[in-house]
């Protein structure tokens, strides 16, 4: 519900701060006072296309702020998708620059104009000169009829849920069947490839982690082989000319012992040489190379290279080869058992389709019943709205199966006898269309998703009892939501829960539009003005008092 509307610098509106209430909010005023400007401003806050010409002359920017206090489930989901938090109210803000640039916010979160319009469409439904009537969109007609059916046809909601359940069951089975058919078709062409590769991988029989183990073993064996060669070189270096190095050192020490000088000046060196000879002798014994099993190394390398080649061939890691083998084996198994599986799934799909068709047909019958009741109720509304020659039908045609059944629903109307039925948006215009929408909305009561309805031009070409009938219906509609009505009809204005007067003032070279809420004598005088014109008469005052219902 729209609770507040703040406007600044929109054409003739310098600054307005309006507070709306529940029920029927009526706006009246003389022609040219600026009623259309008020709607233009509100439309901006709801995501309408901007026009730099709306910015008041001499101003750089214009602003519109609209505050709402109700959020329906669809709108709540949309807000969550866009990261917009809401607690008690939703505030939409639009800033329009004289240079044509404009920005928008929802609860202080910047949003695109497209998102702003999506939000606005779920909050407000405007009938009249604007084109965002929810009911004029054929895509909404089936859900509107279903909502009506839930309230008026026994077990209608149960049927809707059953049809959705049966369709989902059928759809999932059909999806599996198509996937199997496609897989079999594709796999049949690859049978030879699969058989060869399954046989190859089965023979290879790779285990997870085996490549890493083989690589470690191979590296260790290659290092051992290299170490053996190094040891052989070391032993060769120790043994030259047939005599070992330790023997040569021992002989040098023995020779040095023969020096006659006492004490022997080389005594320490002689001891060191003897120790060195002993150490070299011990090292020589330990440097014996170990035998390397060359056949084992070749076997490890052959296995490792075979695993890596298979991994490259199948474009997976070595550890993924067992899983690849399983998948190809399963695919091959499907091919070999495809006939039986296809037959089983085909039977299942047929059975579930029959089940879906059964409940879908029952839903179609209930929709037809709901359509007749809806038509009957709407036709009862039309005569008092000066649409007695009009006729309304709900056209139900067969459509592709979906979770909502097998029906396309289209609301159609003709306004004059002898004329063909046509969709709502092509059958009427202006006040006629607004009154048609009013009749539909009154009958549908709370079925719509918008909580605020705006009617403009709804009293075009009507007066007296017809205008009174329009006022009654607007008041009924507004009891479950909120309605804002711009009217030139005293009868309609008399049903208002809140009455706003729009006026225009000119001072020197400055003209402004103002809007104030009126009540008591001011309201009586305004309705009397609508009745008699500029000059208010006692008779018009008396009539005005009889018209005021609140």
Protein backbone atom coordinates (compact mmCIF):
# COMPACT_ATOMS: atom_id res chain seq x y z
CA UNK A 1 0.00 0.00 0.00
CA UNK A 2 1.24 3.49 -0.90
CA UNK A 3 1.60 5.47 2.32
CA UNK A 4 3.64 8.53 1.35
CA UNK A 5 4.47 10.33 -1.88
CA UNK A 6 7.07 13.11 -1.93
CA UNK A 7 7.59 15.13 -5.12
CA UNK A 8 9.93 18.04 -5.81
CA UNK A 9 10.52 20.05 -9.00
CA UNK A 10 8.30 18.03 -11.34
CA UNK A 11 6.84 20.46 -13.96
CA UNK A 12 4.39 22.63 -11.98
CA UNK A 13 4.95 20.82 -8.70
CA UNK A 14 7.54 22.63 -6.61
CA UNK A 15 7.19 20.48 -3.50
CA UNK A 16 4.51 18.03 -2.33
CA UNK A 17 4.39 15.65 0.60
CA UNK A 18 1.23 13.52 0.56
CA UNK A 19 0.08 10.85 2.98
CA UNK A 20 -2.33 8.25 1.60
CA UNK A 21 -4.40 5.76 3.55
CA UNK A 22 -6.14 2.43 3.16
CA UNK A 23 -9.36 2.25 1.19
CA UNK A 24 -10.42 4.69 -1.52
CA UNK A 25 -8.25 7.79 -2.02
CA UNK A 26 -9.85 10.28 -4.43
CA UNK A 27 -8.13 13.21 -6.15
CA UNK A 28 -10.21 15.97 -7.71
CA UNK A 29 -9.51 19.37 -9.20
CA UNK A 30 -10.23 21.68 -12.09
CA UNK A 31 -9.07 20.77 -15.58
CA UNK A 32 -5.41 21.74 -16.03
CA UNK A 33 -4.71 21.82 -12.31
CA UNK A 34 -2.03 19.14 -12.67
CA UNK A 35 -3.68 15.79 -11.98
CA UNK A 36 -1.79 14.12 -14.83
CA UNK A 37 1.49 15.58 -13.54
CA UNK A 38 0.87 13.86 -10.20
CA UNK A 39 0.49 10.51 -11.95
CA UNK A 40 3.55 11.17 -14.11
CA UNK A 41 5.57 11.77 -10.96
CA UNK A 42 4.31 8.60 -9.27
CA UNK A 43 5.00 6.64 -12.45
CA UNK A 44 8.63 7.79 -12.31
CA UNK A 45 8.99 6.28 -8.85
CA UNK A 46 7.56 3.04 -10.24
CA UNK A 47 10.09 2.79 -13.08
CA UNK A 48 8.35 4.57 -15.97
CA UNK A 49 10.50 5.98 -18.78
CA UNK A 50 11.89 9.38 -17.87
CA UNK A 51 11.66 12.63 -19.77
CA UNK A 52 13.97 15.53 -18.98
CA UNK A 53 11.03 17.81 -19.80
CA UNK A 54 9.44 16.77 -16.50
CA UNK A 55 12.11 18.66 -14.54
CA UNK A 56 10.70 22.01 -13.41
CA UNK A 57 11.98 24.95 -15.42
CA UNK A 58 15.08 26.49 -13.86
CA UNK A 59 15.89 23.40 -11.73
CA UNK A 60 18.79 21.00 -12.17
CA UNK A 61 17.10 17.91 -10.74
CA UNK A 62 13.70 16.53 -9.79
CA UNK A 63 12.97 13.91 -7.13
CA UNK A 64 10.14 11.51 -6.39
CA UNK A 65 9.96 9.27 -3.32
CA UNK A 66 7.19 6.69 -2.85
CA UNK A 67 6.85 4.70 0.37
CA UNK A 68 4.93 1.42 0.66
CA UNK A 69 4.09 -0.63 3.74
CA UNK A 70 3.13 -4.00 2.25
CA UNK A 71 5.27 -6.52 0.39
CA UNK A 72 3.70 -9.55 -1.30
CA UNK A 73 5.66 -12.84 -1.65
CA UNK A 74 6.59 -12.27 -5.31
CA UNK A 75 7.97 -8.83 -4.52
CA UNK A 76 9.83 -10.12 -1.47
CA UNK A 77 11.61 -12.69 -3.66
CA UNK A 78 12.53 -10.00 -6.20
CA UNK A 79 13.94 -7.75 -3.47
CA UNK A 80 16.00 -10.60 -1.99
CA UNK A 81 17.42 -11.41 -5.44
CA UNK A 82 18.62 -7.82 -5.71
CA UNK A 83 20.07 -7.65 -2.20
CA UNK A 84 17.43 -5.25 -0.91
CA UNK A 85 16.51 -5.61 2.76
CA UNK A 86 13.03 -4.74 3.94
CA UNK A 87 11.65 -4.62 7.45
CA UNK A 88 8.62 -2.37 7.81
CA UNK A 89 8.46 -0.33 4.61
CA UNK A 90 9.83 -0.10 1.09
CA UNK A 91 11.00 3.29 -0.14
CA UNK A 92 11.45 3.84 -3.88
CA UNK A 93 13.40 6.92 -4.92
CA UNK A 94 13.99 8.38 -8.38
CA UNK A 95 16.22 11.32 -9.24
CA UNK A 96 15.85 12.92 -12.67
CA UNK A 97 18.35 15.45 -14.02
CA UNK A 98 17.64 18.24 -16.47
CA UNK A 99 20.43 16.72 -18.59
CA UNK A 100 18.40 13.50 -18.92
CA UNK A 101 20.48 11.46 -16.47
CA UNK A 102 18.51 9.65 -13.79
CA UNK A 103 19.18 7.34 -10.87
CA UNK A 104 17.01 5.07 -8.74
CA UNK A 105 17.15 3.48 -5.30
CA UNK A 106 15.09 0.94 -3.37
CA UNK A 107 15.59 1.25 0.40
CA UNK A 108 18.80 3.19 -0.34
CA UNK A 109 20.17 0.39 -2.54
CA UNK A 110 20.98 1.65 -6.08
CA UNK A 111 18.91 -0.23 -8.69
CA UNK A 112 18.53 -0.10 -12.46
CA UNK A 113 15.42 1.47 -13.96
CA UNK A 114 14.49 -1.99 -15.24
CA UNK A 115 14.59 -3.41 -11.70
CA UNK A 116 12.68 -0.40 -10.39
CA UNK A 117 9.92 -1.09 -12.93
CA UNK A 118 9.79 -4.76 -11.95
CA UNK A 119 9.32 -3.69 -8.33
CA UNK A 120 6.72 -1.08 -9.30
CA UNK A 121 4.69 -3.56 -11.35
CA UNK A 122 4.36 -5.79 -8.29
CA UNK A 123 3.23 -2.91 -6.10
CA UNK A 124 0.88 -0.84 -8.23
CA UNK A 125 -1.54 -1.51 -11.06
CA UNK A 126 -2.50 1.55 -13.07
CA UNK A 127 -5.62 1.71 -15.24
CA UNK A 128 -6.19 4.51 -17.66
CA UNK A 129 -3.62 6.33 -19.75
CA UNK A 130 -0.80 3.97 -18.70
CA UNK A 131 -0.15 0.57 -20.21
CA UNK A 132 1.04 -1.61 -17.35
CA UNK A 133 -2.32 -3.17 -16.51
CA UNK A 134 -1.61 -6.63 -15.15
CA UNK A 135 -4.87 -8.01 -16.53
CA UNK A 136 -4.09 -6.75 -20.04
CA UNK A 137 -1.16 -9.17 -20.21
CA UNK A 138 -2.46 -12.52 -21.57
CA UNK A 139 0.37 -14.29 -19.73
CA UNK A 140 -1.40 -13.53 -16.43
CA UNK A 141 -4.86 -14.78 -17.40
CA UNK A 142 -4.37 -18.46 -16.53
CA UNK A 143 -3.03 -17.70 -13.06
CA UNK A 144 -5.85 -15.17 -12.49
CA UNK A 145 -8.48 -17.72 -13.52
CA UNK A 146 -6.83 -20.34 -11.29
CA UNK A 147 -6.85 -17.97 -8.33
CA UNK A 148 -10.56 -17.35 -8.93
CA UNK A 149 -11.15 -21.10 -9.24
CA UNK A 150 -9.39 -21.85 -5.95
CA UNK A 151 -11.88 -19.57 -4.17
CA UNK A 152 -15.00 -20.72 -6.01
CA UNK A 153 -14.60 -24.33 -7.25
CA UNK A 154 -14.34 -27.29 -4.80
CA UNK A 155 -10.99 -29.15 -4.84
CA UNK A 156 -9.59 -26.73 -7.44
CA UNK A 157 -6.38 -26.15 -5.52
CA UNK A 158 -6.00 -29.88 -4.95
CA UNK A 159 -6.20 -30.40 -8.72
CA UNK A 160 -3.57 -27.72 -9.36
CA UNK A 161 -1.17 -29.44 -6.97
CA UNK A 162 -1.87 -32.90 -8.41
CA UNK A 163 -1.34 -31.71 -11.98
CA UNK A 164 1.97 -30.13 -10.98
CA UNK A 165 3.06 -33.32 -9.21
CA UNK A 166 2.02 -35.61 -12.10
CA UNK A 167 3.68 -33.38 -14.66
CA UNK A 168 6.94 -33.32 -12.72
CA UNK A 169 6.89 -37.14 -12.49
CA UNK A 170 6.17 -37.45 -16.22
CA UNK A 171 8.77 -34.82 -17.16
CA UNK A 172 11.55 -36.45 -15.13
CA UNK A 173 10.85 -39.88 -16.64
CA UNK A 174 10.67 -38.46 -20.16
CA UNK A 175 13.94 -36.61 -19.56
CA UNK A 176 15.65 -39.84 -18.45
CA UNK A 177 14.27 -41.66 -21.50
CA UNK A 178 15.59 -39.01 -23.89
CA UNK A 179 18.98 -39.04 -22.19
CA UNK A 180 19.12 -42.84 -22.45
CA UNK A 181 18.09 -42.77 -26.12
CA UNK A 182 20.75 -40.18 -26.86
CA UNK A 183 23.39 -42.10 -24.92
CA UNK A 184 22.53 -45.38 -26.66
CA UNK A 185 22.58 -43.71 -30.07
CA UNK A 186 25.94 -42.15 -29.37
CA UNK A 187 27.36 -45.19 -27.64
CA UNK A 188 26.36 -47.63 -30.38
CA UNK A 189 28.64 -45.74 -32.73
CA UNK A 190 31.44 -46.09 -30.19
CA UNK A 191 30.93 -49.74 -29.27
CA UNK A 192 34.19 -50.92 -30.87
CA UNK A 193 36.07 -48.05 -29.29
CA UNK A 194 34.60 -48.81 -25.86
CA UNK A 195 35.25 -52.55 -26.08
CA UNK A 196 38.88 -52.01 -27.09
CA UNK A 197 39.55 -49.46 -24.36
CA UNK A 198 37.74 -51.41 -21.64
CA UNK A 199 39.80 -54.46 -22.56
CA UNK A 200 43.00 -52.41 -22.62
CA UNK A 201 42.39 -50.70 -19.26
CA UNK A 202 41.18 -53.91 -17.65
CA UNK A 203 44.42 -55.63 -18.68
CA UNK A 204 46.46 -52.70 -17.40
CA UNK A 205 44.48 -52.83 -14.11
CA UNK A 206 45.84 -49.58 -12.69
CA UNK A 207 45.42 -48.95 -8.99
CA UNK A 208 45.17 -45.49 -7.47
CA UNK A 209 48.61 -44.25 -6.35
CA UNK A 210 50.45 -46.83 -8.46
CA UNK A 211 52.08 -44.28 -10.77
CA UNK A 212 53.60 -42.41 -7.83
CA UNK A 213 54.88 -45.67 -6.28
CA UNK A 214 56.46 -46.75 -9.56
CA UNK A 215 58.07 -43.36 -10.09
CA UNK A 216 59.62 -43.50 -6.61
CA UNK A 217 60.91 -47.08 -7.18
CA UNK A 218 62.32 -46.18 -10.59
CA UNK A 219 64.12 -43.14 -9.19
CA UNK A 220 65.60 -45.20 -6.33
CA UNK A 221 66.79 -47.97 -8.67
CA UNK A 222 68.33 -45.49 -11.11
CA UNK A 223 70.14 -43.75 -8.25
CA UNK A 224 71.48 -47.12 -7.01
CA UNK A 225 72.79 -47.89 -10.50
CA UNK A 226 74.55 -44.55 -10.68
CA UNK A 227 75.98 -45.03 -7.19
CA UNK A 228 77.46 -48.40 -8.22
CA UNK A 229 79.27 -46.78 -11.13
CA UNK A 230 80.63 -44.07 -8.85
CA UNK A 231 81.89 -46.69 -6.36
CA UNK A 232 83.63 -48.58 -9.13
CA UNK A 233 85.41 -45.38 -10.17
CA UNK A 234 86.45 -44.78 -6.55
CA UNK A 235 87.93 -48.30 -6.22
CA UNK A 236 89.80 -47.90 -9.49
CA UNK A 237 91.27 -44.68 -8.18
CA UNK A 238 92.46 -46.47 -5.03
CA UNK A 239 94.01 -49.30 -7.02
CA UNK A 240 96.52 -48.30 -9.68
CA UNK A 241 99.36 -50.22 -11.31
CA UNK A 242 98.25 -53.35 -9.54
CA UNK A 243 99.06 -52.04 -6.07
CA UNK A 244 96.52 -50.64 -3.64
CA UNK A 245 96.87 -47.16 -2.23
CA UNK A 246 96.97 -48.41 1.37
CA UNK A 247 99.96 -50.67 0.51
CA UNK A 248 101.78 -47.75 -1.05
CA UNK A 249 101.23 -45.57 2.03
CA UNK A 250 102.26 -48.44 4.32
CA UNK A 251 105.49 -48.87 2.34
CA UNK A 252 106.25 -45.12 2.61
CA UNK A 253 105.81 -45.25 6.40
CA UNK A 254 108.00 -48.36 6.62
CA UNK A 255 110.77 -46.62 4.64
CA UNK A 256 110.62 -43.52 6.84
CA UNK A 257 111.13 -45.65 9.94
CA UNK A 258 114.63 -46.47 8.74
CA UNK A 259 115.88 -42.90 9.35
CA UNK A 260 118.79 -43.01 11.82
CA UNK A 261 118.39 -39.65 13.53
CA UNK A 262 117.18 -40.00 17.11
CA UNK A 263 114.49 -39.15 17.85
CA UNK A 264 113.04 -39.71 14.34
CA UNK A 265 111.80 -36.28 13.15
CA UNK A 266 109.05 -38.01 11.07
CA UNK A 267 107.65 -40.10 13.89
CA UNK A 268 104.23 -38.33 13.97
CA UNK A 269 103.98 -38.40 10.19
CA UNK A 270 104.81 -42.11 10.20
CA UNK A 271 101.97 -42.77 12.69
CA UNK A 272 99.58 -40.68 10.54
CA UNK A 273 100.56 -42.65 7.43
CA UNK A 274 99.95 -45.97 9.21
CA UNK A 275 96.49 -44.70 10.35
CA UNK A 276 95.69 -43.51 6.82
CA UNK A 277 96.69 -46.84 5.36
CA UNK A 278 94.39 -48.59 7.86
CA UNK A 279 91.45 -46.29 7.05
CA UNK A 280 91.90 -46.68 3.30
CA UNK A 281 92.00 -50.44 3.70
CA UNK A 282 88.70 -50.41 5.61
CA UNK A 283 87.04 -48.02 3.10
CA UNK A 284 88.12 -50.20 0.21
CA UNK A 285 86.37 -53.16 1.77
CA UNK A 286 83.13 -51.15 2.14
CA UNK A 287 83.16 -49.72 -1.41
CA UNK A 288 82.11 -52.98 -2.92
CA UNK A 289 79.26 -52.11 -5.45
CA UNK A 290 75.90 -53.86 -4.92
CA UNK A 291 74.45 -55.81 -7.80
CA UNK A 292 71.59 -53.95 -9.57
CA UNK A 293 68.73 -56.02 -11.04
CA UNK A 294 68.58 -54.38 -14.48
CA UNK A 295 65.62 -56.58 -15.44
CA UNK A 296 63.58 -55.24 -12.47
CA UNK A 297 64.36 -51.64 -13.44
CA UNK A 298 63.22 -52.29 -17.00
CA UNK A 299 60.04 -53.91 -15.72
CA UNK A 300 59.24 -50.91 -13.46
CA UNK A 301 59.91 -48.48 -16.30
CA UNK A 302 57.78 -50.44 -18.74
CA UNK A 303 54.83 -50.47 -16.30
CA UNK A 304 55.23 -46.78 -15.45
CA UNK A 305 55.41 -45.70 -19.10
CA UNK A 306 52.38 -47.84 -20.00
CA UNK A 307 50.27 -46.19 -17.26
CA UNK A 308 51.34 -42.70 -18.31
CA UNK A 309 50.61 -43.46 -21.97
CA UNK A 310 47.10 -44.63 -21.05
CA UNK A 311 46.52 -41.46 -18.99
CA UNK A 312 47.58 -39.27 -21.93
CA UNK A 313 45.38 -41.22 -24.31
CA UNK A 314 42.28 -40.74 -22.17
CA UNK A 315 43.23 -37.19 -21.10
CA UNK A 316 43.01 -37.93 -17.40
CA UNK A 317 45.48 -38.32 -14.58
CA UNK A 318 46.87 -41.80 -13.86
CA UNK A 319 44.82 -41.99 -10.65
CA UNK A 320 41.63 -41.33 -12.67
CA UNK A 321 42.14 -44.34 -14.95
CA UNK A 322 40.20 -46.76 -12.67
CA UNK A 323 37.20 -44.38 -12.70
CA UNK A 324 37.52 -44.00 -16.48
CA UNK A 325 37.43 -47.78 -16.80
CA UNK A 326 34.29 -47.96 -14.65
CA UNK A 327 32.48 -45.29 -16.68
CA UNK A 328 33.30 -46.92 -19.99
CA UNK A 329 32.33 -50.32 -18.61
CA UNK A 330 28.99 -48.88 -17.42
CA UNK A 331 28.42 -47.28 -20.82
CA UNK A 332 29.19 -50.53 -22.55
CA UNK A 333 26.86 -52.34 -20.15
CA UNK A 334 24.07 -49.87 -21.00
CA UNK A 335 24.53 -50.61 -24.69
CA UNK A 336 24.37 -54.33 -24.06
CA UNK A 337 21.22 -53.93 -21.91
CA UNK A 338 19.70 -50.92 -23.67
CA UNK A 339 16.75 -52.68 -25.25
CA UNK A 340 15.40 -53.84 -21.91
CA UNK A 341 16.05 -50.49 -20.20
CA UNK A 342 14.51 -48.52 -23.06
CA UNK A 343 11.43 -50.71 -23.01
CA UNK A 344 11.09 -50.27 -19.25
CA UNK A 345 11.45 -46.46 -19.38
CA UNK A 346 9.14 -46.13 -22.39
CA UNK A 347 6.43 -48.00 -20.51
CA UNK A 348 6.99 -45.81 -17.44
CA UNK A 349 6.72 -42.58 -19.49
CA UNK A 350 3.48 -43.74 -21.13
CA UNK A 351 1.98 -44.65 -17.78
CA UNK A 352 2.93 -41.31 -16.21
CA UNK A 353 1.68 -39.39 -19.27
CA UNK A 354 -1.70 -41.12 -18.96
CA UNK A 355 -1.74 -40.22 -15.27
CA UNK A 356 -0.90 -36.59 -16.04
CA UNK A 357 -3.49 -36.40 -18.85
CA UNK A 358 -6.17 -37.69 -16.49
CA UNK A 359 -5.67 -34.95 -13.91
CA UNK A 360 -4.93 -32.32 -16.55
CA UNK A 361 -8.29 -33.06 -18.20
CA UNK A 362 -10.00 -32.76 -14.82
CA UNK A 363 -8.29 -29.39 -14.32
CA UNK A 364 -9.43 -28.25 -17.75
CA UNK A 365 -13.03 -29.09 -16.83
CA UNK A 366 -12.68 -27.18 -13.56
CA UNK A 367 -11.20 -24.23 -15.44
CA UNK A 368 -14.18 -24.22 -17.77
CA UNK A 369 -16.50 -24.24 -14.77
CA UNK A 370 -14.53 -21.40 -13.19
CA UNK A 371 -14.61 -19.51 -16.50
CA UNK A 372 -18.41 -19.71 -16.63
CA UNK A 373 -18.73 -18.49 -13.05
CA UNK A 374 -16.28 -15.66 -13.70
CA UNK A 375 -18.17 -14.67 -16.86
CA UNK A 376 -21.50 -14.72 -15.02
CA UNK A 377 -20.23 -12.50 -12.21
CA UNK A 378 -18.60 -10.01 -14.56
CA UNK A 379 -21.68 -9.75 -16.78
CA UNK A 380 -23.71 -8.83 -13.70
CA UNK A 381 -21.33 -5.93 -13.03
CA UNK A 382 -21.30 -4.47 -16.54
CA UNK A 383 -24.82 -2.97 -16.96
CA UNK A 384 -24.50 -0.59 -14.01
CA UNK A 385 -21.12 0.50 -15.36
CA UNK A 386 -22.76 1.59 -18.65
CA UNK A 387 -21.37 -1.48 -20.37
CA UNK A 388 -24.63 -3.38 -20.73
CA UNK A 389 -23.96 -4.18 -24.37
CA UNK A 390 -20.57 -5.67 -23.60
CA UNK A 391 -19.90 -9.38 -23.31
CA UNK A 392 -17.03 -11.23 -21.68
CA UNK A 393 -15.71 -14.75 -22.24
CA UNK A 394 -12.75 -16.81 -21.13
CA UNK A 395 -11.19 -18.54 -24.12
CA UNK A 396 -9.56 -21.84 -23.10
CA UNK A 397 -7.47 -23.60 -25.73
CA UNK A 398 -5.23 -26.66 -25.69
CA UNK A 399 -1.58 -25.88 -25.07
CA UNK A 400 1.65 -27.78 -24.66
CA UNK A 401 1.76 -29.78 -21.40
CA UNK A 402 3.28 -27.97 -18.44
CA UNK A 403 3.14 -28.06 -14.67
CA UNK A 404 -0.02 -25.90 -14.98
CA UNK A 405 -1.84 -28.37 -17.22
CA UNK A 406 -2.58 -28.22 -20.93
CA UNK A 407 -4.52 -24.96 -21.25
CA UNK A 408 -3.93 -21.49 -22.63
CA UNK A 409 -6.31 -18.96 -21.10
CA UNK A 410 -7.27 -15.64 -22.68
CA UNK A 411 -9.79 -13.08 -21.42
CA UNK A 412 -11.80 -11.67 -24.32
CA UNK A 413 -14.50 -9.04 -24.59
CA UNK A 414 -16.67 -7.22 -27.07
CA UNK A 415 -18.21 -3.86 -26.22
CA UNK A 416 -20.97 -3.79 -28.85
CA UNK A 417 -23.34 -6.43 -30.28
CA UNK A 418 -22.32 -7.77 -33.66
CA UNK A 419 -18.65 -7.13 -33.02
CA UNK A 420 -16.23 -10.06 -32.71
CA UNK A 421 -14.62 -10.91 -29.39
CA UNK A 422 -11.10 -9.57 -28.98
CA UNK A 423 -8.43 -9.66 -26.25
CA UNK A 424 -8.92 -7.10 -23.48
CA UNK A 425 -6.17 -4.77 -24.62
CA UNK A 426 -7.68 -4.44 -28.12
CA UNK A 427 -11.38 -4.34 -27.29
CA UNK A 428 -11.80 -1.00 -25.56
CA UNK A 429 -10.05 2.23 -24.70
CA UNK A 430 -10.13 5.11 -22.26
CA UNK A 431 -12.96 5.11 -19.74
CA UNK A 432 -14.51 1.93 -21.18
CA UNK A 433 -11.32 -0.02 -20.59
CA UNK A 434 -10.92 1.40 -17.09
CA UNK A 435 -14.46 0.36 -16.16
CA UNK A 436 -13.90 -3.11 -17.63
CA UNK A 437 -10.78 -3.48 -15.50
CA UNK A 438 -12.73 -2.26 -12.49
CA UNK A 439 -15.43 -4.90 -13.05
CA UNK A 440 -12.78 -7.60 -13.37
CA UNK A 441 -10.89 -6.46 -10.31
CA UNK A 442 -14.03 -6.24 -8.17
CA UNK A 443 -15.06 -9.77 -9.13
CA UNK A 444 -11.54 -11.13 -8.68
CA UNK A 445 -11.28 -9.34 -5.33
CA UNK A 446 -7.90 -10.28 -3.80
CA UNK A 447 -6.64 -12.43 -6.67
CA UNK A 448 -4.26 -9.79 -8.02
CA UNK A 449 -0.68 -9.39 -6.89
CA UNK A 450 -0.78 -5.58 -6.60
CA UNK A 451 -2.04 -3.94 -3.43
CA UNK A 452 -2.53 -0.48 -4.88
CA UNK A 453 -4.79 0.25 -7.86
CA UNK A 454 -4.81 3.58 -9.66
CA UNK A 455 -7.72 4.54 -11.93
CA UNK A 456 -7.56 7.48 -14.28
CA UNK A 457 -10.28 8.52 -16.76
CA UNK A 458 -12.62 5.92 -15.27
CA UNK A 459 -15.55 8.40 -15.24
CA UNK A 460 -15.18 9.45 -18.89
CA UNK A 461 -18.60 9.70 -20.51
CA UNK A 462 -20.62 8.65 -17.47
CA UNK A 463 -22.71 10.40 -14.84
CA UNK A 464 -25.61 9.82 -12.48
CA UNK A 465 -26.36 6.24 -11.56
CA UNK A 466 -23.45 4.89 -13.61
CA UNK A 467 -20.97 7.11 -11.82
CA UNK A 468 -22.49 6.06 -8.51
CA UNK A 469 -22.06 2.39 -9.50
CA UNK A 470 -18.41 3.04 -10.36
CA UNK A 471 -17.89 4.70 -6.98
CA UNK A 472 -19.48 1.77 -5.16
CA UNK A 473 -17.25 -0.73 -6.92
CA UNK A 474 -14.13 1.32 -6.35
CA UNK A 475 -15.00 1.43 -2.67
CA UNK A 476 -15.54 -2.35 -2.58
CA UNK A 477 -12.26 -3.00 -4.35
CA UNK A 478 -10.36 -0.69 -2.02
CA UNK A 479 -11.60 -2.43 1.13
CA UNK A 480 -9.19 -5.33 0.50
CA UNK A 481 -6.36 -3.15 -0.80
CA UNK A 482 -6.03 0.50 -1.76
CA UNK A 483 -7.30 2.55 -4.68
CA UNK A 484 -6.20 5.98 -5.90
CA UNK A 485 -8.73 7.54 -8.25
CA UNK A 486 -8.49 10.76 -10.25
CA UNK A 487 -12.07 11.71 -11.01
CA UNK A 488 -14.31 14.46 -12.33
CA UNK A 489 -17.39 12.72 -10.90
CA UNK A 490 -19.09 13.98 -7.76
CA UNK A 491 -20.68 10.56 -7.25
CA UNK A 492 -17.29 8.80 -7.31
CA UNK A 493 -15.73 11.43 -5.04
CA UNK A 494 -18.52 10.87 -2.52
CA UNK A 495 -17.30 7.32 -1.82
CA UNK A 496 -13.77 8.43 -0.84
CA UNK A 497 -12.16 7.39 2.42
CA UNK A 498 -9.64 10.17 1.81
CA UNK A 499 -10.21 13.14 -0.47
CA UNK A 500 -7.40 15.25 -1.98
CA UNK A 501 -7.91 18.50 -3.85
CA UNK A 502 -5.51 19.47 -6.65
CA UNK A 503 -5.25 23.17 -7.47
CA UNK A 504 -3.01 25.51 -9.44
CA UNK A 505 -1.79 28.92 -8.29
CA UNK A 506 -0.08 31.64 -10.30
CA UNK A 507 1.95 34.43 -8.73
CA UNK A 508 3.63 36.87 -11.08
CA UNK A 509 5.72 34.63 -13.40
CA UNK A 510 5.51 31.52 -11.20
CA UNK A 511 2.86 28.77 -11.48
CA UNK A 512 2.66 25.84 -9.08
CA UNK A 513 0.41 22.86 -8.49
CA UNK A 514 -0.61 22.06 -4.94
CA UNK A 515 -2.43 19.10 -3.38
CA UNK A 516 -4.08 19.08 0.03
CA UNK A 517 -6.30 16.62 1.88
CA UNK A 518 -9.76 18.02 2.50
CA UNK A 519 -12.59 17.04 4.82
CA UNK A 520 -15.72 18.53 6.39
CA UNK A 521 -17.01 21.69 4.72
CA UNK A 522 -14.03 21.89 2.39
CA UNK A 523 -14.92 18.49 0.98
CA UNK A 524 -18.61 19.42 0.65
CA UNK A 525 -17.62 22.59 -1.23
CA UNK A 526 -15.29 20.69 -3.57
CA UNK A 527 -17.96 18.13 -4.49
CA UNK A 528 -20.46 20.97 -4.94
CA UNK A 529 -17.97 22.66 -7.29
CA UNK A 530 -17.77 19.46 -9.35
CA UNK A 531 -21.58 19.44 -9.58
CA UNK A 532 -22.27 23.08 -10.45
CA UNK A 533 -18.96 24.43 -11.71
CA UNK A 534 -17.20 27.56 -10.49
CA UNK A 535 -20.34 29.03 -8.89
CA UNK A 536 -21.42 26.89 -5.94
CA UNK A 537 -25.18 26.95 -5.34
CA UNK A 538 -27.25 25.94 -2.32
CA UNK A 539 -28.67 23.12 -4.41
CA UNK A 540 -25.24 21.79 -5.30
CA UNK A 541 -24.20 21.98 -1.63
CA UNK A 542 -27.28 20.03 -0.61
CA UNK A 543 -26.62 17.41 -3.29
CA UNK A 544 -22.98 17.17 -2.25
CA UNK A 545 -24.00 16.36 1.33
CA UNK A 546 -26.20 13.50 0.10
CA UNK A 547 -23.38 12.07 -2.03
CA UNK A 548 -20.79 11.86 0.72
CA UNK A 549 -20.80 8.30 2.07
CA UNK A 550 -17.98 8.67 4.64
